[in-house]
Amino acid sequence: MQETNYHASVGHFSTPFNCRFVITDSGGIQEETTYLVNPCLTIRPNTERPITISQGTNQLCEVKDLEDKAEAIISGRIPQANKIEYWDGKTADRIVEFLRGLV
């Protein structure tokens, strides 16, 4: 397992592409991994991004549960999550189409 310091890394957004799952306490990383449909374990008791939990891309956990949860992801016991509707990188296109409809 490679340890990555989020604040010191350059091009940190590419990191979730190259891993099996992410462990974080960051809200922003929860969103990035959800966009990438990459499993995330968040070491916090709550999240301001509940859609990441309800869509199955993120799990809240305590440090004591990390090993079990990581093993569940690696072994495939956690089903693959689906992309969230509208989290497809096409927001600007939809806004432009909406604005064109107003003209």
C-alpha atoms as a PDB file:
ATOM      1  CA  MET A   1       0.000   0.000   0.000  1.00  0.00           C
ATOM      2  CA  GLN A   2       1.412   3.379  -0.992  1.00  0.00           C
ATOM      3  CA  GLU A   3       0.921   6.287   1.378  1.00  0.00           C
ATOM      4  CA  THR A   4       0.107   9.585  -0.282  1.00  0.00           C
ATOM      5  CA  ASN A   5       0.199  12.987   1.357  1.00  0.00           C
ATOM      6  CA  TYR A   6      -2.732  14.784  -0.247  1.00  0.00           C
ATOM      7  CA  HIS A   7      -1.382  18.278   0.424  1.00  0.00           C
ATOM      8  CA  ALA A   8       2.082  17.570  -0.944  1.00  0.00           C
ATOM      9  CA  SER A   9       1.048  15.657  -4.051  1.00  0.00           C
ATOM     10  CA  VAL A  10       0.989  17.246  -7.466  1.00  0.00           C
ATOM     11  CA  GLY A  11      -1.885  16.207  -9.670  1.00  0.00           C
ATOM     12  CA  HIS A  12      -3.691  14.657  -6.729  1.00  0.00           C
ATOM     13  CA  PHE A  13      -6.878  14.191  -8.745  1.00  0.00           C
ATOM     14  CA  SER A  14      -5.184  11.455 -10.794  1.00  0.00           C
ATOM     15  CA  THR A  15      -4.382   9.461  -7.650  1.00  0.00           C
ATOM     16  CA  PRO A  16      -7.892   7.970  -7.235  1.00  0.00           C
ATOM     17  CA  PHE A  17      -7.679   6.689 -10.843  1.00  0.00           C
ATOM     18  CA  ASN A  18      -4.708   4.516  -9.923  1.00  0.00           C
ATOM     19  CA  CYS A  19      -5.903   2.766  -6.779  1.00  0.00           C
ATOM     20  CA  ARG A  20      -8.416   0.147  -5.655  1.00  0.00           C
ATOM     21  CA  PHE A  21      -9.902   2.392  -2.966  1.00  0.00           C
ATOM     22  CA  VAL A  22      -9.153   5.554  -0.993  1.00  0.00           C
ATOM     23  CA  ILE A  23      -8.991   6.160   2.754  1.00  0.00           C
ATOM     24  CA  THR A  24      -9.621   9.782   3.740  1.00  0.00           C
ATOM     25  CA  ASP A  25     -11.110  12.207   6.214  1.00  0.00           C
ATOM     26  CA  SER A  26     -11.615  14.843   3.495  1.00  0.00           C
ATOM     27  CA  GLY A  27     -15.007  15.859   2.127  1.00  0.00           C
ATOM     28  CA  GLY A  28     -13.555  16.839  -1.232  1.00  0.00           C
ATOM     29  CA  ILE A  29     -11.941  13.461  -1.761  1.00  0.00           C
ATOM     30  CA  GLN A  30     -15.306  11.792  -1.053  1.00  0.00           C
ATOM     31  CA  GLU A  31     -16.744  13.710  -3.994  1.00  0.00           C
ATOM     32  CA  GLU A  32     -13.804  12.966  -6.293  1.00  0.00           C
ATOM     33  CA  THR A  33     -13.929   9.231  -5.628  1.00  0.00           C
ATOM     34  CA  THR A  34     -17.710   9.256  -6.118  1.00  0.00           C
ATOM     35  CA  TYR A  35     -17.304  10.983  -9.493  1.00  0.00           C
ATOM     36  CA  LEU A  36     -14.745   8.322 -10.434  1.00  0.00           C
ATOM     37  CA  VAL A  37     -16.942   5.527  -8.987  1.00  0.00           C
ATOM     38  CA  ASN A  38     -13.984   4.462  -6.859  1.00  0.00           C
ATOM     39  CA  PRO A  39     -14.634   3.086  -3.350  1.00  0.00           C
ATOM     40  CA  CYS A  40     -13.836   5.423  -0.476  1.00  0.00           C
ATOM     41  CA  LEU A  41     -13.504   4.787   3.253  1.00  0.00           C
ATOM     42  CA  THR A  42     -13.992   7.993   5.213  1.00  0.00           C
ATOM     43  CA  ILE A  43     -12.689   8.098   8.753  1.00  0.00           C
ATOM     44  CA  ARG A  44     -15.349  10.367  10.201  1.00  0.00           C
ATOM     45  CA  PRO A  45     -18.590   9.904  12.138  1.00  0.00           C
ATOM     46  CA  ASN A  46     -20.577  11.913   9.564  1.00  0.00           C
ATOM     47  CA  THR A  47     -20.367  13.566   6.166  1.00  0.00           C
ATOM     48  CA  GLU A  48     -21.693  16.703   4.540  1.00  0.00           C
ATOM     49  CA  ARG A  49     -21.964  14.667   1.334  1.00  0.00           C
ATOM     50  CA  PRO A  50     -24.643  12.039   2.124  1.00  0.00           C
ATOM     51  CA  ILE A  51     -25.161  11.209  -1.558  1.00  0.00           C
ATOM     52  CA  THR A  52     -21.740   9.535  -1.506  1.00  0.00           C
ATOM     53  CA  ILE A  53     -23.064   7.163   1.167  1.00  0.00           C
ATOM     54  CA  SER A  54     -26.495   6.547  -0.378  1.00  0.00           C
ATOM     55  CA  GLN A  55     -24.973   5.794  -3.796  1.00  0.00           C
ATOM     56  CA  GLY A  56     -22.553   3.284  -2.305  1.00  0.00           C
ATOM     57  CA  THR A  57     -19.272   4.905  -3.281  1.00  0.00           C
ATOM     58  CA  ASN A  58     -18.347   5.947   0.251  1.00  0.00           C
ATOM     59  CA  GLN A  59     -18.503   4.356   3.696  1.00  0.00           C
ATOM     60  CA  LEU A  60     -18.019   6.113   6.996  1.00  0.00           C
ATOM     61  CA  CYS A  61     -15.849   4.128   9.377  1.00  0.00           C
ATOM     62  CA  GLU A  62     -13.662   4.197  12.436  1.00  0.00           C
ATOM     63  CA  VAL A  63      -9.952   3.383  12.335  1.00  0.00           C
ATOM     64  CA  LYS A  64     -10.620   0.080  14.115  1.00  0.00           C
ATOM     65  CA  ASP A  65     -12.850  -1.031  11.198  1.00  0.00           C
ATOM     66  CA  LEU A  66     -10.473  -0.087   8.355  1.00  0.00           C
ATOM     67  CA  GLU A  67      -8.896  -3.499   7.886  1.00  0.00           C
ATOM     68  CA  ASP A  68     -12.238  -5.321   7.626  1.00  0.00           C
ATOM     69  CA  LYS A  69     -13.755  -2.724   5.299  1.00  0.00           C
ATOM     70  CA  ALA A  70     -10.652  -2.610   3.089  1.00  0.00           C
ATOM     71  CA  GLU A  71     -10.657  -6.405   2.823  1.00  0.00           C
ATOM     72  CA  ALA A  72     -14.349  -6.344   1.849  1.00  0.00           C
ATOM     73  CA  ILE A  73     -13.572  -3.925  -0.988  1.00  0.00           C
ATOM     74  CA  ILE A  74     -10.498  -5.827  -2.191  1.00  0.00           C
ATOM     75  CA  SER A  75     -12.291  -9.190  -2.113  1.00  0.00           C
ATOM     76  CA  GLY A  76     -15.301  -7.842  -4.019  1.00  0.00           C
ATOM     77  CA  ARG A  77     -17.793  -8.323  -1.182  1.00  0.00           C
ATOM     78  CA  ILE A  78     -18.815  -4.673  -1.626  1.00  0.00           C
ATOM     79  CA  PRO A  79     -20.850  -4.296  -4.846  1.00  0.00           C
ATOM     80  CA  GLN A  80     -19.637  -1.808  -7.444  1.00  0.00           C
ATOM     81  CA  ALA A  81     -21.500   1.489  -7.111  1.00  0.00           C
ATOM     82  CA  ASN A  82     -23.190   3.280  -9.988  1.00  0.00           C
ATOM     83  CA  LYS A  83     -22.385   6.718 -11.311  1.00  0.00           C
ATOM     84  CA  ILE A  84     -24.576   9.436  -9.872  1.00  0.00           C
ATOM     85  CA  GLU A  85     -26.964  10.992 -12.360  1.00  0.00           C
ATOM     86  CA  TYR A  86     -25.653  14.343 -13.606  1.00  0.00           C
ATOM     87  CA  TRP A  87     -22.168  13.718 -12.121  1.00  0.00           C
ATOM     88  CA  ASP A  88     -20.949  13.129 -15.656  1.00  0.00           C
ATOM     89  CA  GLY A  89     -18.802  16.190 -16.351  1.00  0.00           C
ATOM     90  CA  LYS A  90     -21.428  17.682 -18.667  1.00  0.00           C
ATOM     91  CA  THR A  91     -22.902  20.328 -16.383  1.00  0.00           C
ATOM     92  CA  ALA A  92     -21.617  23.216 -18.505  1.00  0.00           C
ATOM     93  CA  ASP A  93     -23.225  21.692 -21.616  1.00  0.00           C
ATOM     94  CA  ARG A  94     -26.583  21.437 -19.842  1.00  0.00           C
ATOM     95  CA  ILE A  95     -26.351  25.036 -18.624  1.00  0.00           C
ATOM     96  CA  VAL A  96     -25.552  26.303 -22.129  1.00  0.00           C
ATOM     97  CA  GLU A  97     -28.495  24.358 -23.581  1.00  0.00           C
ATOM     98  CA  PHE A  98     -30.791  25.773 -20.898  1.00  0.00           C
ATOM     99  CA  LEU A  99     -29.611  29.338 -21.571  1.00  0.00           C
ATOM    100  CA  ARG A 100     -30.027  28.877 -25.331  1.00  0.00           C
ATOM    101  CA  GLY A 101     -33.622  27.888 -24.659  1.00  0.00           C
ATOM    102  CA  LEU A 102     -34.189  31.237 -22.949  1.00  0.00           C
ATOM    103  CA  VAL A 103     -33.061  33.237 -25.971  1.00  0.00           C
END
